[in-house]
Amino acid sequence: MTWPRNVDKAVKRLLETLSAEEQEKIRVIPEDDLAGLHFGLGLWIRNEFGLWRGNRALSDSMCKEIYCHPDDLSGRIIRATWYQLQQQPATPEVP
C-alpha cells in the first residue's frame, strides 16, 4: 500500500480504516483532549503513513518548516480527522 501524499488523503485513508464505532469515539472527544490519542492512534498513523520512514510528500505538504517532527504531523492528521468527523451527523445510539 502506498503512503498518503497529503493531509486530505491521510484523513480519507484513516476514515476508511476506522470502524463507525471508532469514528464516533473520536468525534465526541473534546478538541482539547485529542492529545490523549497520541500514543495509540497517533503511533499507528506515524507507522502506517511512513512518517518515521521518509514520507516526504506528506511531510512537505503539511509543513513549510525545514523539519516537522512525526509526532506533530500525526497530531495534525488526528485534528484534521476530528474536524472532518464534526461535519458528519452523530451516529444513533445503539442500545
PDB file of N, CA and C in Angstrom:
ATOM      1  N   MET A   1       0.847  -1.178   0.000  1.00  0.00           N
ATOM      2  CA  MET A   1       0.000   0.000   0.000  1.00  0.00           C
ATOM      3  C   MET A   1       0.891   1.239   0.000  1.00  0.00           C
ATOM      4  N   THR A   2       0.497   2.220  -0.773  1.00  0.00           N
ATOM      5  CA  THR A   2       1.282   3.448  -0.838  1.00  0.00           C
ATOM      6  C   THR A   2       0.880   4.391   0.288  1.00  0.00           C
ATOM      7  N   TRP A   3       1.795   5.244   0.652  1.00  0.00           N
ATOM      8  CA  TRP A   3       1.544   6.218   1.709  1.00  0.00           C
ATOM      9  C   TRP A   3       0.701   7.374   1.165  1.00  0.00           C
ATOM     10  N   PRO A   4      -0.134   7.970   2.015  1.00  0.00           N
ATOM     11  CA  PRO A   4      -0.865   9.163   1.576  1.00  0.00           C
ATOM     12  C   PRO A   4       0.117  10.313   1.351  1.00  0.00           C
ATOM     13  N   ARG A   5      -0.199  11.161   0.363  1.00  0.00           N
ATOM     14  CA  ARG A   5       0.723  12.222  -0.023  1.00  0.00           C
ATOM     15  C   ARG A   5       0.336  13.598   0.520  1.00  0.00           C
ATOM     16  N   ASN A   6      -0.849  13.708   1.105  1.00  0.00           N
ATOM     17  CA  ASN A   6      -1.256  14.976   1.713  1.00  0.00           C
ATOM     18  C   ASN A   6      -2.250  14.687   2.832  1.00  0.00           C
ATOM     19  N   VAL A   7      -2.574  15.718   3.587  1.00  0.00           N
ATOM     20  CA  VAL A   7      -3.416  15.515   4.769  1.00  0.00           C
ATOM     21  C   VAL A   7      -4.812  15.035   4.386  1.00  0.00           C
ATOM     22  N   ASP A   8      -5.357  15.519   3.271  1.00  0.00           N
ATOM     23  CA  ASP A   8      -6.695  15.075   2.867  1.00  0.00           C
ATOM     24  C   ASP A   8      -6.715  13.577   2.575  1.00  0.00           C
ATOM     25  N   LYS A   9      -5.681  13.104   1.896  1.00  0.00           N
ATOM     26  CA  LYS A   9      -5.602  11.667   1.602  1.00  0.00           C
ATOM     27  C   LYS A   9      -5.346  10.863   2.870  1.00  0.00           C
ATOM     28  N   ALA A  10      -4.592  11.426   3.799  1.00  0.00           N
ATOM     29  CA  ALA A  10      -4.344  10.743   5.074  1.00  0.00           C
ATOM     30  C   ALA A  10      -5.642  10.616   5.866  1.00  0.00           C
ATOM     31  N   VAL A  11      -6.421  11.684   5.918  1.00  0.00           N
ATOM     32  CA  VAL A  11      -7.702  11.646   6.631  1.00  0.00           C
ATOM     33  C   VAL A  11      -8.638  10.647   5.961  1.00  0.00           C
ATOM     34  N   LYS A  12      -8.704  10.674   4.646  1.00  0.00           N
ATOM     35  CA  LYS A  12      -9.570   9.740   3.912  1.00  0.00           C
ATOM     36  C   LYS A  12      -9.182   8.300   4.224  1.00  0.00           C
ATOM     37  N   ARG A  13      -7.894   8.013   4.175  1.00  0.00           N
ATOM     38  CA  ARG A  13      -7.426   6.645   4.452  1.00  0.00           C
ATOM     39  C   ARG A  13      -7.733   6.251   5.891  1.00  0.00           C
ATOM     40  N   LEU A  14      -7.514   7.163   6.822  1.00  0.00           N
ATOM     41  CA  LEU A  14      -7.787   6.869   8.226  1.00  0.00           C
ATOM     42  C   LEU A  14      -9.268   6.575   8.435  1.00  0.00           C
ATOM     43  N   LEU A  15     -10.137   7.385   7.841  1.00  0.00           N
ATOM     44  CA  LEU A  15     -11.575   7.167   7.996  1.00  0.00           C
ATOM     45  C   LEU A  15     -12.020   5.854   7.352  1.00  0.00           C
ATOM     46  N   GLU A  16     -11.362   5.454   6.272  1.00  0.00           N
ATOM     47  CA  GLU A  16     -11.676   4.165   5.643  1.00  0.00           C
ATOM     48  C   GLU A  16     -11.253   3.002   6.531  1.00  0.00           C
ATOM     49  N   THR A  17     -10.249   3.228   7.361  1.00  0.00           N
ATOM     50  CA  THR A  17      -9.705   2.182   8.230  1.00  0.00           C
ATOM     51  C   THR A  17     -10.504   2.044   9.523  1.00  0.00           C
ATOM     52  N   LEU A  18     -10.965   3.157  10.059  1.00  0.00           N
ATOM     53  CA  LEU A  18     -11.673   3.150  11.340  1.00  0.00           C
ATOM     54  C   LEU A  18     -13.106   2.655  11.180  1.00  0.00           C
ATOM     55  N   SER A  19     -13.565   1.885  12.138  1.00  0.00           N
ATOM     56  CA  SER A  19     -14.967   1.458  12.149  1.00  0.00           C
ATOM     57  C   SER A  19     -15.851   2.656  12.502  1.00  0.00           C
ATOM     58  N   ALA A  20     -17.150   2.516  12.266  1.00  0.00           N
ATOM     59  CA  ALA A  20     -18.090   3.579  12.628  1.00  0.00           C
ATOM     60  C   ALA A  20     -18.035   3.849  14.127  1.00  0.00           C
ATOM     61  N   GLU A  21     -17.874   2.811  14.913  1.00  0.00           N
ATOM     62  CA  GLU A  21     -17.787   2.968  16.369  1.00  0.00           C
ATOM     63  C   GLU A  21     -16.532   3.750  16.760  1.00  0.00           C
ATOM     64  N   GLU A  22     -15.403   3.430  16.132  1.00  0.00           N
ATOM     65  CA  GLU A  22     -14.156   4.149  16.424  1.00  0.00           C
ATOM     66  C   GLU A  22     -14.261   5.612  15.997  1.00  0.00           C
ATOM     67  N   GLN A  23     -14.873   5.845  14.848  1.00  0.00           N
ATOM     68  CA  GLN A  23     -15.059   7.219  14.387  1.00  0.00           C
ATOM     69  C   GLN A  23     -15.908   8.014  15.375  1.00  0.00           C
ATOM     70  N   GLU A  24     -16.959   7.390  15.873  1.00  0.00           N
ATOM     71  CA  GLU A  24     -17.836   8.080  16.829  1.00  0.00           C
ATOM     72  C   GLU A  24     -17.090   8.393  18.123  1.00  0.00           C
ATOM     73  N   LYS A  25     -16.238   7.471  18.572  1.00  0.00           N
ATOM     74  CA  LYS A  25     -15.452   7.719  19.788  1.00  0.00           C
ATOM     75  C   LYS A  25     -14.546   8.933  19.606  1.00  0.00           C
ATOM     76  N   ILE A  26     -13.955   9.063  18.434  1.00  0.00           N
ATOM     77  CA  ILE A  26     -13.094  10.213  18.154  1.00  0.00           C
ATOM     78  C   ILE A  26     -13.936  11.482  18.033  1.00  0.00           C
ATOM     79  N   ARG A  27     -15.075  11.379  17.361  1.00  0.00           N
ATOM     80  CA  ARG A  27     -15.926  12.545  17.126  1.00  0.00           C
ATOM     81  C   ARG A  27     -16.366  13.214  18.423  1.00  0.00           C
ATOM     82  N   VAL A  28     -16.632  12.427  19.453  1.00  0.00           N
ATOM     83  CA  VAL A  28     -17.167  13.002  20.696  1.00  0.00           C
ATOM     84  C   VAL A  28     -16.080  13.447  21.679  1.00  0.00           C
ATOM     85  N   ILE A  29     -14.822  13.199  21.353  1.00  0.00           N
ATOM     86  CA  ILE A  29     -13.737  13.671  22.215  1.00  0.00           C
ATOM     87  C   ILE A  29     -13.669  15.196  22.115  1.00  0.00           C
ATOM     88  N   PRO A  30     -13.599  15.902  23.237  1.00  0.00           N
ATOM     89  CA  PRO A  30     -13.397  17.354  23.166  1.00  0.00           C
ATOM     90  C   PRO A  30     -12.061  17.668  22.473  1.00  0.00           C
ATOM     91  N   GLU A  31     -12.054  18.705  21.673  1.00  0.00           N
ATOM     92  CA  GLU A  31     -10.851  19.045  20.907  1.00  0.00           C
ATOM     93  C   GLU A  31      -9.617  19.161  21.803  1.00  0.00           C
ATOM     94  N   ASP A  32      -9.775  19.717  22.978  1.00  0.00           N
ATOM     95  CA  ASP A  32      -8.638  19.884  23.887  1.00  0.00           C
ATOM     96  C   ASP A  32      -8.087  18.553  24.394  1.00  0.00           C
ATOM     97  N   ASP A  33      -8.820  17.467  24.224  1.00  0.00           N
ATOM     98  CA  ASP A  33      -8.385  16.152  24.705  1.00  0.00           C
ATOM     99  C   ASP A  33      -7.823  15.255  23.608  1.00  0.00           C
ATOM    100  N   LEU A  34      -7.677  15.771  22.385  1.00  0.00           N
ATOM    101  CA  LEU A  34      -7.176  14.949  21.282  1.00  0.00           C
ATOM    102  C   LEU A  34      -5.755  14.446  21.524  1.00  0.00           C
ATOM    103  N   ALA A  35      -4.978  15.159  22.324  1.00  0.00           N
ATOM    104  CA  ALA A  35      -3.605  14.719  22.620  1.00  0.00           C
ATOM    105  C   ALA A  35      -3.595  13.349  23.280  1.00  0.00           C
ATOM    106  N   GLY A  36      -4.700  12.963  23.895  1.00  0.00           N
ATOM    107  CA  GLY A  36      -4.794  11.644  24.508  1.00  0.00           C
ATOM    108  C   GLY A  36      -4.726  10.509  23.498  1.00  0.00           C
ATOM    109  N   LEU A  37      -4.851  10.819  22.212  1.00  0.00           N
ATOM    110  CA  LEU A  37      -4.765   9.803  21.157  1.00  0.00           C
ATOM    111  C   LEU A  37      -3.339   9.627  20.639  1.00  0.00           C
ATOM    112  N   HIS A  38      -2.400  10.389  21.185  1.00  0.00           N
ATOM    113  CA  HIS A  38      -1.022  10.416  20.680  1.00  0.00           C
ATOM    114  C   HIS A  38      -0.342   9.043  20.677  1.00  0.00           C
ATOM    115  N   PHE A  39      -0.475   8.288  21.760  1.00  0.00           N
ATOM    116  CA  PHE A  39       0.280   7.036  21.873  1.00  0.00           C
ATOM    117  C   PHE A  39      -0.426   5.839  21.257  1.00  0.00           C
ATOM    118  N   GLY A  40      -1.703   5.948  20.949  1.00  0.00           N
ATOM    119  CA  GLY A  40      -2.437   4.857  20.321  1.00  0.00           C
ATOM    120  C   GLY A  40      -2.611   5.122  18.835  1.00  0.00           C
ATOM    121  N   LEU A  41      -3.612   5.918  18.523  1.00  0.00           N
ATOM    122  CA  LEU A  41      -3.900   6.250  17.134  1.00  0.00           C
ATOM    123  C   LEU A  41      -2.741   7.007  16.494  1.00  0.00           C
ATOM    124  N   GLY A  42      -2.143   7.922  17.234  1.00  0.00           N
ATOM    125  CA  GLY A  42      -1.018   8.685  16.689  1.00  0.00           C
ATOM    126  C   GLY A  42       0.151   7.796  16.304  1.00  0.00           C
ATOM    127  N   LEU A  43       0.458   6.823  17.144  1.00  0.00           N
ATOM    128  CA  LEU A  43       1.539   5.879  16.838  1.00  0.00           C
ATOM    129  C   LEU A  43       1.213   5.089  15.580  1.00  0.00           C
ATOM    130  N   TRP A  44      -0.030   4.644  15.471  1.00  0.00           N
ATOM    131  CA  TRP A  44      -0.450   3.895  14.284  1.00  0.00           C
ATOM    132  C   TRP A  44      -0.272   4.756  13.036  1.00  0.00           C
ATOM    133  N   ILE A  45      -0.693   6.017  13.095  1.00  0.00           N
ATOM    134  CA  ILE A  45      -0.553   6.931  11.956  1.00  0.00           C
ATOM    135  C   ILE A  45       0.917   7.108  11.595  1.00  0.00           C
ATOM    136  N   ARG A  46       1.758   7.343  12.596  1.00  0.00           N
ATOM    137  CA  ARG A  46       3.186   7.554  12.319  1.00  0.00           C
ATOM    138  C   ARG A  46       3.798   6.339  11.627  1.00  0.00           C
ATOM    139  N   ASN A  47       3.423   5.154  12.064  1.00  0.00           N
ATOM    140  CA  ASN A  47       3.966   3.933  11.466  1.00  0.00           C
ATOM    141  C   ASN A  47       3.335   3.630  10.113  1.00  0.00           C
ATOM    142  N   GLU A  48       2.023   3.662  10.035  1.00  0.00           N
ATOM    143  CA  GLU A  48       1.298   3.255   8.827  1.00  0.00           C
ATOM    144  C   GLU A  48       1.476   4.231   7.669  1.00  0.00           C
ATOM    145  N   PHE A  49       1.616   5.513   7.968  1.00  0.00           N
ATOM    146  CA  PHE A  49       1.723   6.520   6.919  1.00  0.00           C
ATOM    147  C   PHE A  49       3.172   6.914   6.630  1.00  0.00           C
ATOM    148  N   GLY A  50       4.112   6.186   7.202  1.00  0.00           N
ATOM    149  CA  GLY A  50       5.519   6.368   6.874  1.00  0.00           C
ATOM    150  C   GLY A  50       6.148   7.643   7.401  1.00  0.00           C
ATOM    151  N   LEU A  51       5.610   8.183   8.482  1.00  0.00           N
ATOM    152  CA  LEU A  51       6.160   9.443   8.985  1.00  0.00           C
ATOM    153  C   LEU A  51       7.551   9.279   9.579  1.00  0.00           C
ATOM    154  N   TRP A  52       7.882   8.086  10.030  1.00  0.00           N
ATOM    155  CA  TRP A  52       9.242   7.813  10.522  1.00  0.00           C
ATOM    156  C   TRP A  52      10.127   7.238   9.419  1.00  0.00           C
ATOM    157  N   ARG A  53       9.526   6.874   8.291  1.00  0.00           N
ATOM    158  CA  ARG A  53      10.282   6.175   7.251  1.00  0.00           C
ATOM    159  C   ARG A  53      10.425   6.976   5.967  1.00  0.00           C
ATOM    160  N   GLY A  54      10.262   8.279   6.058  1.00  0.00           N
ATOM    161  CA  GLY A  54      10.601   9.114   4.914  1.00  0.00           C
ATOM    162  C   GLY A  54       9.464   9.484   3.977  1.00  0.00           C
ATOM    163  N   ASN A  55       8.241   9.551   4.453  1.00  0.00           N
ATOM    164  CA  ASN A  55       7.147  10.010   3.599  1.00  0.00           C
ATOM    165  C   ASN A  55       7.246  11.531   3.459  1.00  0.00           C
ATOM    166  N   ARG A  56       8.168  11.950   2.622  1.00  0.00           N
ATOM    167  CA  ARG A  56       8.437  13.384   2.442  1.00  0.00           C
ATOM    168  C   ARG A  56       7.267  14.108   1.789  1.00  0.00           C
ATOM    169  N   ALA A  57       6.545  13.425   0.915  1.00  0.00           N
ATOM    170  CA  ALA A  57       5.419  14.080   0.250  1.00  0.00           C
ATOM    171  C   ALA A  57       4.390  14.537   1.281  1.00  0.00           C
ATOM    172  N   LEU A  58       4.045  13.661   2.220  1.00  0.00           N
ATOM    173  CA  LEU A  58       3.076  14.021   3.252  1.00  0.00           C
ATOM    174  C   LEU A  58       3.650  15.091   4.173  1.00  0.00           C
ATOM    175  N   SER A  59       4.869  14.892   4.608  1.00  0.00           N
ATOM    176  CA  SER A  59       5.511  15.857   5.498  1.00  0.00           C
ATOM    177  C   SER A  59       5.599  17.237   4.846  1.00  0.00           C
ATOM    178  N   ASP A  60       6.073  17.286   3.612  1.00  0.00           N
ATOM    179  CA  ASP A  60       6.235  18.566   2.918  1.00  0.00           C
ATOM    180  C   ASP A  60       4.894  19.248   2.656  1.00  0.00           C
ATOM    181  N   SER A  61       3.854  18.453   2.404  1.00  0.00           N
ATOM    182  CA  SER A  61       2.546  19.049   2.127  1.00  0.00           C
ATOM    183  C   SER A  61       1.918  19.660   3.378  1.00  0.00           C
ATOM    184  N   MET A  62       2.328  19.194   4.553  1.00  0.00           N
ATOM    185  CA  MET A  62       1.741  19.650   5.810  1.00  0.00           C
ATOM    186  C   MET A  62       2.586  20.682   6.530  1.00  0.00           C
ATOM    187  N   CYS A  63       3.838  20.811   6.139  1.00  0.00           N
ATOM    188  CA  CYS A  63       4.763  21.609   6.928  1.00  0.00           C
ATOM    189  C   CYS A  63       5.688  22.398   6.014  1.00  0.00           C
ATOM    190  N   LYS A  64       5.713  23.680   6.217  1.00  0.00           N
ATOM    191  CA  LYS A  64       6.587  24.539   5.414  1.00  0.00           C
ATOM    192  C   LYS A  64       7.910  24.828   6.119  1.00  0.00           C
ATOM    193  N   GLU A  65       8.065  24.299   7.331  1.00  0.00           N
ATOM    194  CA  GLU A  65       9.306  24.485   8.068  1.00  0.00           C
ATOM    195  C   GLU A  65      10.367  23.537   7.504  1.00  0.00           C
ATOM    196  N   ILE A  66      11.611  23.733   7.899  1.00  0.00           N
ATOM    197  CA  ILE A  66      12.686  22.868   7.431  1.00  0.00           C
ATOM    198  C   ILE A  66      12.430  21.429   7.841  1.00  0.00           C
ATOM    199  N   TYR A  67      11.985  21.214   9.070  1.00  0.00           N
ATOM    200  CA  TYR A  67      11.730  19.863   9.555  1.00  0.00           C
ATOM    201  C   TYR A  67      10.514  19.884  10.468  1.00  0.00           C
ATOM    202  N   CYS A  68       9.633  18.961  10.255  1.00  0.00           N
ATOM    203  CA  CYS A  68       8.488  18.783  11.149  1.00  0.00           C
ATOM    204  C   CYS A  68       8.600  17.401  11.771  1.00  0.00           C
ATOM    205  N   HIS A  69       8.418  17.337  13.051  1.00  0.00           N
ATOM    206  CA  HIS A  69       8.526  16.071  13.770  1.00  0.00           C
ATOM    207  C   HIS A  69       7.317  15.191  13.462  1.00  0.00           C
ATOM    208  N   PRO A  70       7.525  13.892  13.256  1.00  0.00           N
ATOM    209  CA  PRO A  70       6.410  12.977  13.004  1.00  0.00           C
ATOM    210  C   PRO A  70       5.315  13.034  14.071  1.00  0.00           C
ATOM    211  N   ASP A  71       5.683  13.286  15.325  1.00  0.00           N
ATOM    212  CA  ASP A  71       4.673  13.414  16.379  1.00  0.00           C
ATOM    213  C   ASP A  71       3.723  14.578  16.084  1.00  0.00           C
ATOM    214  N   ASP A  72       4.283  15.699  15.633  1.00  0.00           N
ATOM    215  CA  ASP A  72       3.457  16.862  15.309  1.00  0.00           C
ATOM    216  C   ASP A  72       2.560  16.581  14.106  1.00  0.00           C
ATOM    217  N   LEU A  73       3.118  15.899  13.111  1.00  0.00           N
ATOM    218  CA  LEU A  73       2.347  15.597  11.906  1.00  0.00           C
ATOM    219  C   LEU A  73       1.185  14.663  12.210  1.00  0.00           C
ATOM    220  N   SER A  74       1.422  13.642  13.025  1.00  0.00           N
ATOM    221  CA  SER A  74       0.324  12.726  13.360  1.00  0.00           C
ATOM    222  C   SER A  74      -0.754  13.465  14.148  1.00  0.00           C
ATOM    223  N   GLY A  75      -0.355  14.396  14.993  1.00  0.00           N
ATOM    224  CA  GLY A  75      -1.327  15.202  15.721  1.00  0.00           C
ATOM    225  C   GLY A  75      -2.171  16.055  14.788  1.00  0.00           C
ATOM    226  N   ARG A  76      -1.545  16.592  13.759  1.00  0.00           N
ATOM    227  CA  ARG A  76      -2.287  17.393  12.779  1.00  0.00           C
ATOM    228  C   ARG A  76      -3.279  16.525  12.005  1.00  0.00           C
ATOM    229  N   ILE A  77      -2.883  15.296  11.693  1.00  0.00           N
ATOM    230  CA  ILE A  77      -3.785  14.380  10.990  1.00  0.00           C
ATOM    231  C   ILE A  77      -4.962  14.005  11.890  1.00  0.00           C
ATOM    232  N   ILE A  78      -4.690  13.747  13.155  1.00  0.00           N
ATOM    233  CA  ILE A  78      -5.773  13.441  14.102  1.00  0.00           C
ATOM    234  C   ILE A  78      -6.734  14.619  14.188  1.00  0.00           C
ATOM    235  N   ARG A  79      -6.203  15.820  14.311  1.00  0.00           N
ATOM    236  CA  ARG A  79      -7.054  17.013  14.420  1.00  0.00           C
ATOM    237  C   ARG A  79      -7.867  17.205  13.134  1.00  0.00           C
ATOM    238  N   ALA A  80      -7.254  17.021  11.975  1.00  0.00           N
ATOM    239  CA  ALA A  80      -7.977  17.159  10.703  1.00  0.00           C
ATOM    240  C   ALA A  80      -9.079  16.104  10.597  1.00  0.00           C
ATOM    241  N   THR A  81      -8.801  14.906  11.082  1.00  0.00           N
ATOM    242  CA  THR A  81      -9.809  13.842  11.085  1.00  0.00           C
ATOM    243  C   THR A  81     -10.951  14.216  12.015  1.00  0.00           C
ATOM    244  N   TRP A  82     -10.617  14.731  13.182  1.00  0.00           N
ATOM    245  CA  TRP A  82     -11.632  15.155  14.152  1.00  0.00           C
ATOM    246  C   TRP A  82     -12.532  16.227  13.537  1.00  0.00           C
ATOM    247  N   TYR A  83     -11.916  17.215  12.863  1.00  0.00           N
ATOM    248  CA  TYR A  83     -12.707  18.265  12.216  1.00  0.00           C
ATOM    249  C   TYR A  83     -13.623  17.676  11.146  1.00  0.00           C
ATOM    250  N   GLN A  84     -13.114  16.738  10.381  1.00  0.00           N
ATOM    251  CA  GLN A  84     -13.934  16.079   9.357  1.00  0.00           C
ATOM    252  C   GLN A  84     -15.119  15.373  10.010  1.00  0.00           C
ATOM    253  N   LEU A  85     -14.871  14.693  11.106  1.00  0.00           N
ATOM    254  CA  LEU A  85     -15.944  13.981  11.802  1.00  0.00           C
ATOM    255  C   LEU A  85     -16.971  14.941  12.400  1.00  0.00           C
ATOM    256  N   GLN A  86     -16.577  16.154  12.717  1.00  0.00           N
ATOM    257  CA  GLN A  86     -17.524  17.134  13.254  1.00  0.00           C
ATOM    258  C   GLN A  86     -18.546  17.556  12.201  1.00  0.00           C
ATOM    259  N   GLN A  87     -18.212  17.370  10.933  1.00  0.00           N
ATOM    260  CA  GLN A  87     -19.108  17.741   9.838  1.00  0.00           C
ATOM    261  C   GLN A  87     -20.166  16.676   9.578  1.00  0.00           C
ATOM    262  N   GLN A  88     -19.991  15.488  10.152  1.00  0.00           N
ATOM    263  CA  GLN A  88     -20.912  14.378   9.939  1.00  0.00           C
ATOM    264  C   GLN A  88     -21.944  14.354  11.059  1.00  0.00           C
ATOM    265  N   PRO A  89     -23.155  13.931  10.739  1.00  0.00           N
ATOM    266  CA  PRO A  89     -24.146  13.806  11.805  1.00  0.00           C
ATOM    267  C   PRO A  89     -23.746  12.709  12.781  1.00  0.00           C
ATOM    268  N   ALA A  90     -24.157  12.870  14.002  1.00  0.00           N
ATOM    269  CA  ALA A  90     -23.858  11.864  15.029  1.00  0.00           C
ATOM    270  C   ALA A  90     -24.531  10.552  14.661  1.00  0.00           C
ATOM    271  N   THR A  91     -23.861   9.459  14.948  1.00  0.00           N
ATOM    272  CA  THR A  91     -24.479   8.157  14.713  1.00  0.00           C
ATOM    273  C   THR A  91     -25.455   7.880  15.845  1.00  0.00           C
ATOM    274  N   PRO A  92     -26.563   7.231  15.534  1.00  0.00           N
ATOM    275  CA  PRO A  92     -27.544   6.962  16.590  1.00  0.00           C
ATOM    276  C   PRO A  92     -26.982   6.036  17.657  1.00  0.00           C
ATOM    277  N   GLU A  93     -27.439   6.247  18.869  1.00  0.00           N
ATOM    278  CA  GLU A  93     -27.035   5.380  19.986  1.00  0.00           C
ATOM    279  C   GLU A  93     -27.608   3.985  19.757  1.00  0.00           C
ATOM    280  N   VAL A  94     -26.805   2.987  20.002  1.00  0.00           N
ATOM    281  CA  VAL A  94     -27.275   1.609  19.893  1.00  0.00           C
ATOM    282  C   VAL A  94     -27.470   1.075  21.300  1.00  0.00           C
ATOM    283  N   PRO A  95     -28.708   0.630  21.618  1.00  0.00           N
ATOM    284  CA  PRO A  95     -28.952   0.144  22.995  1.00  0.00           C
ATOM    285  C   PRO A  95     -28.195  -1.119  23.302  1.00  0.00           C
TER     286      PRO A  95
END
